[in-house]
């Protein structure tokens, strides 16, 4: 075994080598990327939200006009409502399904191949997944509606019905992300000591009582993290909607990200689009703060 580095003597005192400069050198590339691609666009976006800018002429400062227009914009409030509906459906289904998959992986199998298969949908791009489900659930030719007819049910306009558009988009994204979420939860399950379950079995606790009395409480920090990550990602849904419904029918699936894109690159109103982006940022900050406090994600019951 190699001996540890010998301590150095500095000013008559024994100390170890200072690696601060080396550490700063390693994090410098990531720091430059963070400033260039996150902090600077964030500050510029906030500034543009107070301007009127069409990309072709210089930005003109308009104060709070964009925010006043946003407060009176019915399309914006509809987009917020649609986005919140999508987030609720997506988070509820994704967390429940991922939790079941993670528990089954822990209890029934720890095969690396099985974990790879569970993660496989996450490796498919959102656009490809959206196109595949668009074909499967097509009202006229989709095999999904043909199966419904074979079992005696009526065809459903999954992407063309106001009632079905958002739930269908949520299911598509749940299919793609549930494997990744399940692996995060599975990692949290691995941190729970096996002795805890052994003590529960000795006390005669059933599987259901063990799950609700031990597994869920001890999973709280990782579940809080998963919920925060999932909510932030859900608010940013765009490509699945753009490929399948493009916001229709009648704005029933016009989520906030799609509205921002339409204002910026469809109508070239970059000032108003920036104000919409700032509004979404504030919504995410508030939601994340309350999620963190309610789930107590920074605390654990493991001693």
Protein backbone atom coordinates (compact mmCIF):
# COMPACT_ATOMS: atom_id res chain seq x y z
CA UNK A 1 0.00 0.00 0.00
CA UNK A 2 1.40 3.40 -0.99
CA UNK A 3 2.29 5.69 1.88
CA UNK A 4 0.28 8.94 2.25
CA UNK A 5 1.98 12.13 1.03
CA UNK A 6 4.37 13.56 3.56
CA UNK A 7 3.19 16.73 5.27
CA UNK A 8 4.94 19.93 4.28
CA UNK A 9 6.38 22.47 6.69
CA UNK A 10 5.23 26.06 6.17
CA UNK A 11 6.47 28.75 8.47
CA UNK A 12 7.46 26.24 11.12
CA UNK A 13 3.98 24.59 11.04
CA UNK A 14 3.10 21.22 9.60
CA UNK A 15 0.33 21.33 6.94
CA UNK A 16 -0.93 19.62 3.82
CA UNK A 17 -0.71 20.89 0.25
CA UNK A 18 -3.45 23.34 -0.70
CA UNK A 19 -5.34 22.02 -3.76
CA UNK A 20 -7.68 24.99 -4.06
CA UNK A 21 -6.13 26.25 -7.30
CA UNK A 22 -6.26 22.79 -8.86
CA UNK A 23 -9.91 22.40 -7.85
CA UNK A 24 -10.78 25.80 -9.34
CA UNK A 25 -9.04 24.79 -12.56
CA UNK A 26 -11.18 21.67 -12.84
CA UNK A 27 -14.48 23.48 -12.23
CA UNK A 28 -13.58 26.42 -14.48
CA UNK A 29 -15.01 24.89 -17.72
CA UNK A 30 -18.29 24.04 -16.01
CA UNK A 31 -18.38 27.50 -14.43
CA UNK A 32 -17.88 29.18 -17.80
CA UNK A 33 -20.69 27.09 -19.30
CA UNK A 34 -22.97 27.91 -16.38
CA UNK A 35 -22.42 31.64 -16.79
CA UNK A 36 -22.60 31.60 -20.60
CA UNK A 37 -25.62 29.34 -21.02
CA UNK A 38 -27.63 29.90 -17.81
CA UNK A 39 -26.84 33.07 -15.87
CA UNK A 40 -26.33 35.43 -18.82
CA UNK A 41 -29.46 34.23 -20.74
CA UNK A 42 -31.43 34.50 -17.48
CA UNK A 43 -30.35 38.11 -16.89
CA UNK A 44 -30.88 39.03 -20.54
CA UNK A 45 -34.32 37.42 -20.54
CA UNK A 46 -35.34 39.38 -17.46
CA UNK A 47 -34.14 42.60 -19.13
CA UNK A 48 -35.99 41.80 -22.38
CA UNK A 49 -39.21 41.24 -20.43
CA UNK A 50 -39.27 45.00 -19.82
CA UNK A 51 -38.80 45.82 -23.50
CA UNK A 52 -40.55 45.61 -26.85
CA UNK A 53 -38.29 43.74 -29.27
CA UNK A 54 -39.05 42.09 -32.62
CA UNK A 55 -35.48 40.92 -33.34
CA UNK A 56 -35.15 43.28 -36.33
CA UNK A 57 -35.13 46.63 -34.54
CA UNK A 58 -33.44 47.73 -31.29
CA UNK A 59 -35.22 46.80 -28.06
CA UNK A 60 -37.30 49.63 -26.58
CA UNK A 61 -37.87 49.86 -22.84
CA UNK A 62 -41.60 49.70 -22.03
CA UNK A 63 -41.50 49.14 -18.27
CA UNK A 64 -44.23 46.87 -16.95
CA UNK A 65 -46.38 46.97 -20.10
CA UNK A 66 -45.67 43.34 -20.96
CA UNK A 67 -46.68 42.22 -17.47
CA UNK A 68 -49.87 44.29 -17.58
CA UNK A 69 -50.75 42.75 -20.93
CA UNK A 70 -50.00 39.29 -19.54
CA UNK A 71 -52.30 39.81 -16.55
CA UNK A 72 -55.16 40.61 -18.96
CA UNK A 73 -54.28 37.90 -21.50
CA UNK A 74 -56.88 35.06 -21.45
CA UNK A 75 -54.62 32.83 -23.58
CA UNK A 76 -51.88 33.09 -20.94
CA UNK A 77 -54.21 32.10 -18.11
CA UNK A 78 -55.57 29.24 -20.19
CA UNK A 79 -51.99 28.10 -20.85
CA UNK A 80 -51.27 28.18 -17.11
CA UNK A 81 -54.41 26.15 -16.40
CA UNK A 82 -53.59 23.59 -19.11
CA UNK A 83 -49.99 23.32 -17.91
CA UNK A 84 -51.05 22.77 -14.29
CA UNK A 85 -53.52 20.08 -15.40
CA UNK A 86 -50.76 18.33 -17.34
CA UNK A 87 -48.34 18.59 -14.40
CA UNK A 88 -50.84 17.08 -11.94
CA UNK A 89 -51.72 14.15 -14.21
CA UNK A 90 -48.12 13.52 -15.25
CA UNK A 91 -46.64 13.69 -11.74
CA UNK A 92 -49.35 11.53 -10.16
CA UNK A 93 -49.10 8.76 -12.77
CA UNK A 94 -45.34 8.88 -13.17
CA UNK A 95 -44.57 8.78 -9.45
CA UNK A 96 -47.07 6.00 -8.73
CA UNK A 97 -45.92 3.79 -11.63
CA UNK A 98 -42.22 4.43 -10.95
CA UNK A 99 -42.66 3.63 -7.26
CA UNK A 100 -44.32 0.30 -8.07
CA UNK A 101 -41.59 -0.58 -10.59
CA UNK A 102 -38.82 0.33 -8.14
CA UNK A 103 -40.31 -1.76 -5.32
CA UNK A 104 -40.80 -4.74 -7.66
CA UNK A 105 -37.19 -4.46 -8.84
CA UNK A 106 -35.98 -4.47 -5.26
CA UNK A 107 -38.18 -7.33 -4.05
CA UNK A 108 -38.31 -9.62 -7.09
CA UNK A 109 -35.20 -9.08 -9.17
CA UNK A 110 -31.94 -7.15 -9.18
CA UNK A 111 -30.99 -8.14 -12.71
CA UNK A 112 -28.91 -5.57 -14.58
CA UNK A 113 -30.69 -6.58 -17.80
CA UNK A 114 -34.08 -5.83 -16.24
CA UNK A 115 -32.92 -2.39 -15.11
CA UNK A 116 -31.65 -1.71 -18.63
CA UNK A 117 -35.03 -2.67 -20.09
CA UNK A 118 -36.83 -0.41 -17.62
CA UNK A 119 -34.60 2.50 -18.65
CA UNK A 120 -34.97 1.81 -22.40
CA UNK A 121 -37.93 4.19 -23.03
CA UNK A 122 -35.92 7.05 -21.53
CA UNK A 123 -33.33 6.59 -24.28
CA UNK A 124 -35.97 7.33 -26.94
CA UNK A 125 -36.23 11.02 -27.83
CA UNK A 126 -39.45 12.86 -27.03
CA UNK A 127 -40.11 13.54 -30.72
CA UNK A 128 -39.78 9.86 -31.70
CA UNK A 129 -41.96 8.73 -28.79
CA UNK A 130 -44.59 11.34 -29.71
CA UNK A 131 -44.62 10.26 -33.37
CA UNK A 132 -44.96 6.57 -32.45
CA UNK A 133 -47.91 7.21 -30.12
CA UNK A 134 -49.45 9.58 -32.68
CA UNK A 135 -49.54 6.69 -35.15
CA UNK A 136 -50.70 4.13 -32.59
CA UNK A 137 -53.54 6.32 -31.29
CA UNK A 138 -54.62 7.80 -34.62
CA UNK A 139 -58.41 8.04 -34.80
CA UNK A 140 -58.76 6.40 -38.23
CA UNK A 141 -55.76 4.09 -38.70
CA UNK A 142 -54.24 3.71 -35.23
CA UNK A 143 -54.04 0.20 -33.83
CA UNK A 144 -55.12 1.55 -30.44
CA UNK A 145 -58.55 2.55 -31.75
CA UNK A 146 -58.81 -0.69 -33.72
CA UNK A 147 -58.32 -2.62 -30.49
CA UNK A 148 -61.06 -0.53 -28.87
CA UNK A 149 -63.41 -1.48 -31.70
CA UNK A 150 -62.51 -5.16 -31.40
CA UNK A 151 -63.54 -5.17 -27.72
CA UNK A 152 -66.80 -3.35 -28.51
CA UNK A 153 -65.90 0.21 -27.51
CA UNK A 154 -66.13 3.38 -29.56
CA UNK A 155 -63.10 5.04 -31.12
CA UNK A 156 -61.51 7.86 -29.11
CA UNK A 157 -59.86 10.96 -30.52
CA UNK A 158 -56.92 10.78 -28.16
CA UNK A 159 -55.14 13.77 -29.70
CA UNK A 160 -58.15 15.47 -31.30
CA UNK A 161 -60.53 15.60 -28.32
CA UNK A 162 -60.43 18.47 -25.81
CA UNK A 163 -61.04 16.05 -22.94
CA UNK A 164 -58.42 13.49 -24.00
CA UNK A 165 -55.56 15.60 -25.41
CA UNK A 166 -53.73 16.51 -22.18
CA UNK A 167 -54.22 13.13 -20.43
CA UNK A 168 -52.91 11.35 -23.54
CA UNK A 169 -49.85 13.60 -23.77
CA UNK A 170 -49.23 12.98 -20.06
CA UNK A 171 -49.39 9.20 -20.56
CA UNK A 172 -46.91 9.41 -23.45
CA UNK A 173 -44.41 11.27 -21.27
CA UNK A 174 -45.06 8.95 -18.32
CA UNK A 175 -44.14 5.99 -20.55
CA UNK A 176 -40.89 7.68 -21.54
CA UNK A 177 -39.77 8.93 -18.09
CA UNK A 178 -41.05 6.28 -15.68
CA UNK A 179 -37.93 4.10 -16.03
CA UNK A 180 -35.57 6.94 -15.12
CA UNK A 181 -37.76 7.94 -12.19
CA UNK A 182 -37.98 4.31 -11.06
CA UNK A 183 -34.17 4.02 -10.99
CA UNK A 184 -33.93 7.16 -8.83
CA UNK A 185 -36.43 5.68 -6.39
CA UNK A 186 -34.67 2.31 -6.57
CA UNK A 187 -31.44 4.02 -5.52
CA UNK A 188 -33.30 5.43 -2.52
CA UNK A 189 -34.61 1.97 -1.63
CA UNK A 190 -31.05 0.65 -1.62
CA UNK A 191 -30.18 3.12 1.14
CA UNK A 192 -32.81 1.67 3.52
CA UNK A 193 -31.11 -0.82 5.87
CA UNK A 194 -32.21 -4.44 5.45
CA UNK A 195 -32.31 -4.77 9.25
CA UNK A 196 -35.30 -2.43 9.30
CA UNK A 197 -37.34 -4.84 7.18
CA UNK A 198 -36.10 -7.82 9.20
CA UNK A 199 -37.32 -6.18 12.42
CA UNK A 200 -40.70 -5.53 10.80
CA UNK A 201 -41.02 -9.18 9.76
CA UNK A 202 -40.13 -10.32 13.26
CA UNK A 203 -42.90 -8.09 14.62
CA UNK A 204 -45.35 -9.71 12.18
CA UNK A 205 -45.89 -6.67 9.94
CA UNK A 206 -47.53 -7.40 6.60
CA UNK A 207 -46.10 -6.26 3.25
CA UNK A 208 -48.66 -3.47 2.99
CA UNK A 209 -47.99 -2.21 6.49
CA UNK A 210 -44.23 -2.43 5.91
CA UNK A 211 -44.56 -0.41 2.71
CA UNK A 212 -46.62 2.39 4.27
CA UNK A 213 -44.92 2.29 7.68
CA UNK A 214 -41.28 1.91 6.67
CA UNK A 215 -40.63 2.24 2.94
CA UNK A 216 -42.58 5.41 2.20
CA UNK A 217 -41.41 7.39 5.28
CA UNK A 218 -37.76 6.47 4.71
CA UNK A 219 -38.10 7.28 0.99
CA UNK A 220 -39.33 10.81 1.72
CA UNK A 221 -36.07 12.63 0.84
CA UNK A 222 -35.63 10.86 -2.51
CA UNK A 223 -39.34 11.19 -3.30
CA UNK A 224 -39.09 14.91 -2.56
CA UNK A 225 -36.13 15.16 -4.95
CA UNK A 226 -37.96 13.16 -7.62
CA UNK A 227 -41.06 15.34 -7.31
CA UNK A 228 -39.06 18.55 -7.62
CA UNK A 229 -37.18 17.30 -10.69
CA UNK A 230 -40.36 15.93 -12.27
CA UNK A 231 -42.39 19.10 -11.70
CA UNK A 232 -39.67 21.32 -13.20
CA UNK A 233 -39.44 19.02 -16.22
CA UNK A 234 -43.23 18.81 -16.57
CA UNK A 235 -43.63 22.59 -16.67
CA UNK A 236 -41.19 22.63 -19.60
CA UNK A 237 -43.14 20.18 -21.76
CA UNK A 238 -43.01 21.30 -25.38
CA UNK A 239 -41.87 18.80 -28.02
CA UNK A 240 -44.54 16.17 -27.34
CA UNK A 241 -47.28 18.80 -27.63
CA UNK A 242 -45.73 20.41 -30.72
CA UNK A 243 -45.52 17.06 -32.56
CA UNK A 244 -48.93 15.64 -31.63
CA UNK A 245 -51.49 18.47 -31.19
CA UNK A 246 -49.63 21.77 -31.67
CA UNK A 247 -51.78 23.23 -28.91
CA UNK A 248 -55.15 22.07 -30.23
CA UNK A 249 -57.91 21.39 -30.32
CA UNK A 250 -59.06 24.96 -29.52
CA UNK A 251 -56.11 25.63 -27.18
CA UNK A 252 -56.99 22.57 -25.11
CA UNK A 253 -53.33 21.52 -25.05
CA UNK A 254 -51.61 24.88 -25.50
CA UNK A 255 -49.15 24.62 -22.64
CA UNK A 256 -47.11 27.58 -21.43
CA UNK A 257 -43.91 26.59 -23.22
CA UNK A 258 -45.74 26.31 -26.54
CA UNK A 259 -47.32 29.74 -26.02
CA UNK A 260 -43.90 31.24 -25.28
CA UNK A 261 -42.48 29.66 -28.44
CA UNK A 262 -45.37 30.93 -30.54
CA UNK A 263 -44.98 34.48 -29.22
CA UNK A 264 -41.21 34.50 -29.74
CA UNK A 265 -40.71 32.65 -33.03
CA UNK A 266 -44.20 32.81 -34.51
CA UNK A 267 -45.09 36.45 -33.81
CA UNK A 268 -41.55 37.76 -33.11
CA UNK A 269 -42.72 39.41 -29.90
CA UNK A 270 -39.61 38.56 -27.91
CA UNK A 271 -40.32 41.09 -25.17
CA UNK A 272 -43.69 39.56 -24.31
CA UNK A 273 -42.27 36.03 -24.67
CA UNK A 274 -39.53 36.96 -22.19
CA UNK A 275 -42.16 38.21 -19.74
CA UNK A 276 -44.00 34.90 -20.10
CA UNK A 277 -40.73 33.06 -19.41
CA UNK A 278 -40.10 35.13 -16.28
CA UNK A 279 -43.65 34.35 -15.11
CA UNK A 280 -43.01 30.63 -15.57
CA UNK A 281 -39.72 30.97 -13.68
CA UNK A 282 -41.52 32.61 -10.74
CA UNK A 283 -44.20 29.91 -10.76
CA UNK A 284 -41.50 27.21 -10.66
CA UNK A 285 -39.64 28.96 -7.84
CA UNK A 286 -42.80 29.16 -5.72
CA UNK A 287 -43.87 25.57 -6.48
CA UNK A 288 -40.36 24.20 -5.80
CA UNK A 289 -40.10 26.12 -2.52
CA UNK A 290 -43.40 24.76 -1.20
CA UNK A 291 -42.57 21.25 -2.43
CA UNK A 292 -39.24 21.34 -0.63
CA UNK A 293 -40.84 22.56 2.59
CA UNK A 294 -43.80 20.16 2.49
CA UNK A 295 -41.76 17.06 1.64
CA UNK A 296 -38.86 18.03 3.94
CA UNK A 297 -36.53 16.78 1.19
CA UNK A 298 -33.45 17.96 3.07
CA UNK A 299 -34.16 15.77 6.10
CA UNK A 300 -34.11 12.03 6.59
CA UNK A 301 -35.51 9.65 9.19
CA UNK A 302 -32.52 7.32 8.85
CA UNK A 303 -30.19 7.55 11.85
